[in-house]
Amino acid sequence: LKLELTSSQSYVKAECKNIVNDENEIKYDGWPLLFGHYSRIFPAQIALHVLGNLMRRLNSTEINFDTFTKEAYDVAEEIADEYLRKERKDNSLKRVKKISIGLPKPYDEEVITSEQAIKEQRYKDRNFGKVKKTKDGNKSFEGLLSALGLVRIFERKDETVVTFSEQGKKMYLMKNPIFNETDDAAFSPKEQDFVIKDLISKRELEAKLIQVATKTIKDSKNETDTVKDIEHAFQEKIKKFIETCSDSDTTTRLEKMVKMTEDIIRENSENNVENRKQTPIEAVRIATLGRMAELGIIDWETNSEKKSMYTITKKN
């Protein structure tokens, strides 16, 4: 991918034009949050580089979706293997600086077990995309790439194909520190700004939670209470969002998230620490703050008690 990057980007720039609306397109379902399953966005940039390379190699701007996800997974696994070896040698490296976080764990066995096959498929579905049947009998496209609006997929006769969206093309053509070999960082400052302002801004509730988290961290008087403060602020923001949301399915799903959180909080207050359960909003907080750290909005460290400590970065 690195060796062929210039020629692949030239091909995409020349051949991949904006595709008009098509009745065979499978679209994102509109969920206003990024899921907690992916706490990093770098896998999306890996996928875009694989897609651009496949387009040039196959001389087509529409790529078979299964071919794309298989190769994207293989490349993500290879990058994870490379950086895990580097990161294990550096004990001083902060978690937020580790490239391997959010990438699949390398699998060294020659024969893939059924358990590993399930893990691989789950990773592909969450990070590269999955076509899902909706309650009304239609289909939607979910996953990190879809939520960020980076790719579009279409049904073509007996296959599903994937191509860049305009935003995906823009992101692919940006210089990335890993693929351009300029730094061991997931994103350049330009990429970080693009993701925040042009991609995440389209996921309305996600953008609101980032704003809330940033303000809460700035206003925090006691760092040890920041995590609880953020989760409480998230809960209140989600409740307010529900009041103004016009989509009944989204409202129902968010109400369920809030109720489950409230129920688990009550249950945790009555149980021992060992039996404590994670709430849905806690999972949202962990994933959202992980992405915020990756995008340079905050610094994230753990103290001697392994508790998360957040601070706003100097540039913010």
Protein backbone atom coordinates (compact mmCIF):
# COMPACT_ATOMS: atom_id res chain seq x y z
CA LEU A 1 0.00 0.00 0.00
CA LYS A 2 2.82 2.40 0.88
CA LEU A 3 4.81 1.68 -2.28
CA GLU A 4 1.76 2.04 -4.52
CA LEU A 5 0.15 4.95 -2.67
CA THR A 6 1.02 7.74 -5.12
CA SER A 7 -0.25 5.82 -8.16
CA SER A 8 -3.38 4.65 -6.29
CA GLN A 9 -4.22 8.17 -5.15
CA SER A 10 -3.70 9.47 -8.70
CA TYR A 11 -6.10 6.83 -10.02
CA VAL A 12 -8.76 7.68 -7.42
CA LYS A 13 -8.39 11.42 -8.06
CA ALA A 14 -8.86 10.92 -11.82
CA GLU A 15 -11.42 8.10 -11.97
CA CYS A 16 -13.56 8.18 -8.82
CA LYS A 17 -16.22 10.78 -9.52
CA ASN A 18 -19.19 11.62 -7.37
CA ILE A 19 -21.88 8.98 -7.87
CA VAL A 20 -25.43 10.20 -8.34
CA ASN A 21 -28.24 8.83 -6.19
CA ASP A 22 -29.14 5.28 -7.04
CA GLU A 23 -32.16 3.26 -5.97
CA ASN A 24 -29.85 0.30 -5.40
CA GLU A 25 -27.81 2.12 -2.74
CA ILE A 26 -27.98 0.76 0.80
CA LYS A 27 -27.84 3.69 3.21
CA TYR A 28 -26.91 4.33 6.83
CA ASP A 29 -29.80 4.12 9.29
CA GLY A 30 -29.18 7.58 10.76
CA TRP A 31 -28.18 6.53 14.30
CA PRO A 32 -26.80 9.80 15.80
CA LEU A 33 -23.94 8.21 17.76
CA LEU A 34 -20.78 6.33 16.92
CA PHE A 35 -21.02 2.91 18.54
CA GLY A 36 -19.01 1.91 21.59
CA HIS A 37 -17.64 -1.06 19.64
CA TYR A 38 -15.03 1.14 17.99
CA SER A 39 -13.01 3.39 20.29
CA ARG A 40 -10.62 4.36 17.49
CA ILE A 41 -11.14 5.83 14.02
CA PHE A 42 -7.79 4.84 12.49
CA PRO A 43 -9.24 1.51 11.17
CA ALA A 44 -11.38 3.66 8.85
CA GLN A 45 -8.29 5.25 7.31
CA ILE A 46 -6.77 1.79 6.84
CA ALA A 47 -9.93 0.70 5.02
CA LEU A 48 -9.85 3.77 2.75
CA HIS A 49 -6.25 3.04 1.75
CA VAL A 50 -7.13 -0.56 0.96
CA LEU A 51 -10.12 0.57 -1.10
CA GLY A 52 -8.06 3.06 -3.12
CA ASN A 53 -5.39 0.46 -3.79
CA LEU A 54 -7.95 -2.13 -4.91
CA MET A 55 -9.55 0.38 -7.28
CA ARG A 56 -6.27 0.99 -9.09
CA ARG A 57 -5.26 -2.68 -9.13
CA LEU A 58 -8.65 -3.87 -10.42
CA ASN A 59 -9.19 -0.78 -12.61
CA SER A 60 -12.66 -0.20 -11.19
CA THR A 61 -14.21 2.38 -8.87
CA GLU A 62 -16.65 -0.22 -7.52
CA ILE A 63 -15.13 -3.08 -5.51
CA ASN A 64 -16.76 -6.30 -4.35
CA PHE A 65 -17.59 -5.71 -0.70
CA ASP A 66 -16.34 -9.08 0.59
CA THR A 67 -13.03 -8.67 -1.29
CA PHE A 68 -12.65 -5.23 0.27
CA THR A 69 -13.38 -6.27 3.87
CA LYS A 70 -11.11 -9.32 3.66
CA GLU A 71 -8.15 -7.27 2.46
CA ALA A 72 -8.86 -4.43 4.89
CA TYR A 73 -8.82 -6.89 7.79
CA ASP A 74 -5.56 -8.46 6.62
CA VAL A 75 -3.87 -5.05 6.39
CA ALA A 76 -5.23 -3.94 9.79
CA GLU A 77 -3.88 -7.15 11.32
CA GLU A 78 -0.48 -6.62 9.66
CA ILE A 79 -0.24 -3.03 10.98
CA ALA A 80 -1.25 -4.26 14.45
CA ASP A 81 1.52 -6.87 14.36
CA GLU A 82 4.12 -4.31 13.28
CA TYR A 83 3.22 -1.76 15.95
CA LEU A 84 2.66 -4.23 18.77
CA ARG A 85 6.29 -5.31 18.40
CA LYS A 86 7.40 -1.67 18.61
CA GLU A 87 5.10 -0.77 21.50
CA ARG A 88 6.17 -3.71 23.67
CA LYS A 89 9.72 -2.35 23.62
CA ASP A 90 8.66 1.08 24.93
CA ASN A 91 7.22 0.97 28.46
CA SER A 92 6.90 4.76 28.56
CA LEU A 93 4.49 4.91 25.62
CA LYS A 94 1.07 6.20 26.63
CA ARG A 95 -2.00 4.19 25.67
CA VAL A 96 -3.35 7.06 23.59
CA LYS A 97 -0.19 6.97 21.45
CA LYS A 98 -0.41 3.26 20.69
CA ILE A 99 -1.34 2.54 17.07
CA SER A 100 -2.30 -1.08 17.85
CA ILE A 101 -5.26 -0.01 20.02
CA GLY A 102 -8.45 -0.63 18.08
CA LEU A 103 -6.79 -2.97 15.57
CA PRO A 104 -7.38 -6.74 15.45
CA LYS A 105 -5.15 -8.92 17.58
CA PRO A 106 -2.70 -10.70 15.23
CA TYR A 107 -3.46 -14.38 14.73
CA ASP A 108 -0.39 -16.55 14.12
CA GLU A 109 -1.90 -20.00 13.66
CA GLU A 110 -2.00 -21.53 10.17
CA VAL A 111 -5.52 -22.91 10.61
CA ILE A 112 -8.29 -20.48 11.60
CA THR A 113 -10.52 -21.80 14.39
CA SER A 114 -14.26 -21.17 14.47
CA GLU A 115 -13.73 -18.81 17.41
CA GLN A 116 -11.18 -16.76 15.46
CA ALA A 117 -13.48 -16.69 12.40
CA ILE A 118 -16.24 -15.20 14.57
CA LYS A 119 -13.84 -12.55 15.95
CA GLU A 120 -12.70 -11.60 12.45
CA GLN A 121 -16.24 -11.28 11.15
CA ARG A 122 -17.30 -9.21 14.15
CA TYR A 123 -14.36 -6.84 13.57
CA LYS A 124 -15.17 -6.51 9.87
CA ASP A 125 -18.85 -5.86 10.59
CA ARG A 126 -18.15 -3.16 13.17
CA ASN A 127 -15.27 -1.36 11.48
CA PHE A 128 -15.73 -1.90 7.74
CA GLY A 129 -19.47 -2.42 7.54
CA LYS A 130 -22.41 -4.77 7.50
CA VAL A 131 -25.67 -4.87 5.58
CA LYS A 132 -28.54 -5.32 8.01
CA LYS A 133 -32.22 -6.01 7.42
CA THR A 134 -34.52 -3.47 9.03
CA LYS A 135 -37.87 -4.10 10.72
CA ASP A 136 -39.76 -2.82 7.68
CA GLY A 137 -38.05 -5.34 5.38
CA ASN A 138 -35.57 -2.90 3.86
CA LYS A 139 -31.79 -2.87 4.33
CA SER A 140 -29.36 -0.50 6.05
CA PHE A 141 -25.59 -0.26 6.07
CA GLU A 142 -23.99 0.04 9.50
CA GLY A 143 -20.48 0.22 10.93
CA LEU A 144 -17.74 2.81 11.41
CA LEU A 145 -17.25 3.65 7.72
CA SER A 146 -20.97 4.09 7.22
CA ALA A 147 -21.48 6.15 10.38
CA LEU A 148 -18.72 8.53 9.30
CA GLY A 149 -20.10 8.74 5.76
CA LEU A 150 -16.82 7.62 4.14
CA VAL A 151 -18.11 4.98 1.71
CA ARG A 152 -21.24 4.12 -0.23
CA ILE A 153 -22.42 0.63 -1.10
CA PHE A 154 -24.73 -0.62 -3.81
CA GLU A 155 -26.42 -3.85 -4.83
CA ARG A 156 -25.32 -4.82 -8.33
CA LYS A 157 -27.07 -7.94 -9.66
CA ASP A 158 -25.64 -10.76 -7.52
CA GLU A 159 -23.06 -8.80 -5.53
CA THR A 160 -22.64 -5.87 -3.15
CA VAL A 161 -20.05 -3.29 -4.16
CA VAL A 162 -18.37 -0.42 -2.29
CA THR A 163 -16.96 2.90 -3.44
CA PHE A 164 -15.78 6.18 -1.90
CA SER A 165 -18.17 8.90 -0.85
CA GLU A 166 -16.94 12.42 -1.55
CA GLN A 167 -15.86 12.74 2.10
CA GLY A 168 -14.11 9.36 1.97
CA LYS A 169 -12.22 10.39 -1.15
CA LYS A 170 -11.09 13.62 0.54
CA MET A 171 -9.84 11.75 3.59
CA TYR A 172 -8.04 9.12 1.49
CA LEU A 173 -6.17 11.80 -0.47
CA MET A 174 -4.86 13.46 2.71
CA LYS A 175 -1.34 12.69 3.89
CA ASN A 176 -1.46 10.16 6.71
CA PRO A 177 1.57 9.77 9.04
CA ILE A 178 1.50 5.97 8.95
CA PHE A 179 1.00 5.46 5.22
CA ASN A 180 3.26 8.36 4.23
CA GLU A 181 5.89 7.24 6.77
CA THR A 182 6.30 10.66 8.41
CA ASP A 183 5.42 9.73 12.00
CA ASP A 184 4.06 6.96 14.23
CA ALA A 185 0.75 8.75 14.72
CA ALA A 186 -2.69 7.63 13.62
CA PHE A 187 -3.63 11.00 12.15
CA SER A 188 -2.08 14.29 11.11
CA PRO A 189 -3.54 17.51 12.63
CA LYS A 190 -5.27 18.18 9.29
CA GLU A 191 -6.91 14.74 9.35
CA GLN A 192 -7.96 15.21 12.98
CA ASP A 193 -9.68 18.51 12.17
CA PHE A 194 -11.37 16.95 9.14
CA VAL A 195 -12.77 14.05 11.16
CA ILE A 196 -14.08 16.35 13.90
CA LYS A 197 -15.52 19.14 11.74
CA ASP A 198 -16.60 17.31 8.57
CA LEU A 199 -17.44 13.77 9.68
CA ILE A 200 -18.40 13.56 13.35
CA SER A 201 -20.42 16.76 13.05
CA LYS A 202 -22.90 14.77 10.91
CA ARG A 203 -23.61 12.49 13.89
CA GLU A 204 -25.52 15.08 15.90
CA LEU A 205 -25.59 13.44 19.32
CA GLU A 206 -21.96 12.31 19.08
CA ALA A 207 -20.90 15.89 18.40
CA LYS A 208 -22.93 17.10 21.40
CA LEU A 209 -21.33 14.51 23.69
CA ILE A 210 -17.85 15.60 22.60
CA GLN A 211 -18.74 19.19 23.45
CA VAL A 212 -20.16 18.14 26.82
CA ALA A 213 -17.11 16.01 27.66
CA THR A 214 -14.72 18.82 26.73
CA LYS A 215 -16.59 21.33 28.90
CA THR A 216 -16.85 18.91 31.83
CA ILE A 217 -13.10 18.20 31.75
CA LYS A 218 -12.30 21.92 31.54
CA ASP A 219 -14.62 22.73 34.46
CA SER A 220 -13.57 19.77 36.62
CA LYS A 221 -12.31 20.76 40.08
CA ASN A 222 -11.29 17.25 41.07
CA GLU A 223 -9.79 14.93 38.43
CA THR A 224 -10.84 11.79 40.33
CA ASP A 225 -14.52 12.78 39.94
CA THR A 226 -14.27 13.67 36.25
CA VAL A 227 -15.33 10.25 34.96
CA LYS A 228 -18.55 10.26 37.00
CA ASP A 229 -19.20 13.88 36.01
CA ILE A 230 -18.83 13.05 32.32
CA GLU A 231 -21.18 10.06 32.52
CA HIS A 232 -23.78 12.13 34.38
CA ALA A 233 -23.46 14.91 31.79
CA PHE A 234 -23.82 12.36 28.98
CA GLN A 235 -26.96 10.95 30.57
CA GLU A 236 -28.53 14.42 30.84
CA LYS A 237 -27.55 15.36 27.27
CA ILE A 238 -29.04 12.14 25.89
CA LYS A 239 -32.29 12.80 27.78
CA LYS A 240 -32.48 16.31 26.29
CA PHE A 241 -31.76 14.93 22.84
CA ILE A 242 -34.63 12.45 23.22
CA GLU A 243 -37.04 15.34 23.89
CA THR A 244 -36.27 16.97 20.52
CA CYS A 245 -35.68 13.84 18.42
CA SER A 246 -38.32 13.28 15.73
CA ASP A 247 -37.31 9.71 14.83
CA SER A 248 -39.30 7.20 16.90
CA ASP A 249 -36.83 4.31 16.45
CA THR A 250 -33.91 6.45 17.60
CA THR A 251 -35.92 7.74 20.56
CA THR A 252 -36.86 4.20 21.61
CA ARG A 253 -33.26 2.98 21.43
CA LEU A 254 -31.94 5.97 23.40
CA GLU A 255 -34.66 5.62 26.05
CA LYS A 256 -33.70 1.97 26.46
CA MET A 257 -30.04 3.01 26.89
CA VAL A 258 -30.94 5.52 29.62
CA LYS A 259 -33.25 3.09 31.45
CA MET A 260 -30.68 0.28 31.38
CA THR A 261 -28.07 2.69 32.75
CA GLU A 262 -30.36 3.79 35.60
CA ASP A 263 -31.25 0.17 36.43
CA ILE A 264 -27.60 -0.96 36.49
CA ILE A 265 -26.56 2.03 38.63
CA ARG A 266 -29.18 1.00 41.21
CA GLU A 267 -28.05 -2.61 40.99
CA ASN A 268 -24.37 -1.65 41.38
CA SER A 269 -25.15 0.38 44.51
CA GLU A 270 -26.42 -2.79 46.16
CA ASN A 271 -23.60 -5.12 45.00
CA ASN A 272 -19.95 -5.59 45.86
CA VAL A 273 -17.31 -3.93 43.69
CA GLU A 274 -16.41 -7.33 42.19
CA ASN A 275 -19.98 -7.74 40.87
CA ARG A 276 -20.18 -4.27 39.39
CA LYS A 277 -21.61 -4.09 35.84
CA GLN A 278 -20.78 -1.59 33.13
CA THR A 279 -23.65 0.69 32.11
CA PRO A 280 -24.45 1.47 28.45
CA ILE A 281 -23.56 5.14 29.02
CA GLU A 282 -20.27 4.13 30.63
CA ALA A 283 -19.47 2.18 27.45
CA VAL A 284 -20.33 5.30 25.41
CA ARG A 285 -18.04 7.39 27.62
CA ILE A 286 -15.10 5.01 27.22
CA ALA A 287 -15.43 4.86 23.43
CA THR A 288 -16.10 8.57 22.96
CA LEU A 289 -13.17 9.64 25.14
CA GLY A 290 -10.93 7.13 23.37
CA ARG A 291 -11.77 8.71 20.02
CA MET A 292 -11.33 12.21 21.47
CA ALA A 293 -7.83 11.26 22.63
CA GLU A 294 -7.00 9.81 19.20
CA LEU A 295 -8.20 13.04 17.58
CA GLY A 296 -6.03 15.21 19.81
CA ILE A 297 -8.86 16.86 21.77
CA ILE A 298 -7.80 15.41 25.13
CA ASP A 299 -4.96 13.56 26.81
CA TRP A 300 -5.90 10.32 28.54
CA GLU A 301 -3.77 8.64 31.18
CA THR A 302 -4.36 6.17 33.98
CA ASN A 303 -3.17 6.84 37.52
CA SER A 304 -1.56 4.40 39.98
CA GLU A 305 -5.03 3.04 40.80
CA LYS A 306 -5.66 2.41 37.07
CA LYS A 307 -8.37 5.07 36.98
CA SER A 308 -8.81 7.18 33.85
CA MET A 309 -7.57 10.76 34.05
CA TYR A 310 -8.49 13.26 31.32
CA THR A 311 -7.02 16.68 30.49
CA ILE A 312 -7.58 19.04 27.57
CA THR A 313 -4.66 19.19 25.13
CA LYS A 314 -2.78 22.47 24.81
CA LYS A 315 -4.04 23.11 21.27
CA ASN A 316 -7.62 22.97 22.59
